[in-house]
Amino acid sequence: MHQAPRPVTFAMNLNGRPWPDVIGVEMRKLRPMCRRERLLFRIHRRYQTVREIVTVAGLTFPFVRIADPDVVLDQVAAEEDRLEKLSGRRTDGDRLHLPYWAELWDSARGVAELLPDWRGIGAEHVSVLDLGCGMGMAGAVAAKLGFSVLFADLEPDALLFARLNSLAEPARVRTRRLDWRTDCLGERFDLILGADILYERKQWDFLEPFWRLHVKPGGLVILGEPGRQTGDLFQPWIRERGWTLDIRHELISTRPTPIRIFQLRESNPATPKTRTMIGGDFS
């Protein structure tokens, strides 16, 4: 004989809410901690990390990074050697993914230092693409300032770090694996950030049309560059392609010389029809 289910009774807390409701609130507080532990578990299966307290753009926050980027490079080289022995073929340079993301580049700090300038127009309305985000320094600062941020990188492991370092702002952050040579996001951004992504000349031919397709009219591409010769060559190259270029120099605490900041705007933004011809109507 089946017994009727017993009615559930709720004890009330001092605020007049049932205890299960109180427990639910506490569980919601634990969710970011659970996400953090899951991300760290996935990261620590392959990498050793360091957690630092950093101060960037007037904000102080914890940041998790690769403990030793050279170890990651050695791991990639060892894996490439193993695959070459199995297949008898060496991966060409275009397909070999060197772990540039595993270095916390000074340029990311330089880019991040400029972001508070955009708070005056209403942070909740500013959309940001952190392109080639690496471990997410610039994008994490943007999210803490209240901007809506998409972290994009070719390497999935980089996106794990970007997610980890922006967990305090989950509602404002997305991640996307992206190859700027071939992929199209189908949306445009007020700000496109790039920290030290100009080092390889052959990537410029992919980056320039990608920026053109993804920056909003009147938007800005902000690039951090540490003073390489490629940065010198980039300046006349980008002006010839219809962009205005403003150069700033940003002092940061981790190096004695400033980071060069290239701020790009389209001189003649493409019309919606032109954008459709290039690769999609983003209006």
Foldseek 3Di string as FASTA:
>chain_A
DDDDDDDDDFDADPVRHGVVVVVVVVVVVCVLVVLLVVLVVVLVVPADKDWDFDAALNDTDIAIAGPDLVVVQVVLVVVQVVVCVVPVDGDDPVPRDGPPLRDPDPLLRQLQNPLVVPPVVPQCPFEEEAEQQRLNSNVLSSVVSPHQYEYEHQDPNSVSNNCSSNSVRVVRYHYDYDDLQDDADLAAGQEYEEEAPQPDPVCVVSVVVNNLLHHDAVHKYKYWAADDPSVVVVVVVVVVVQKDWDWDWGDDDPDDGTIIIIIIHGNDRDDQVVSCVVPRRND
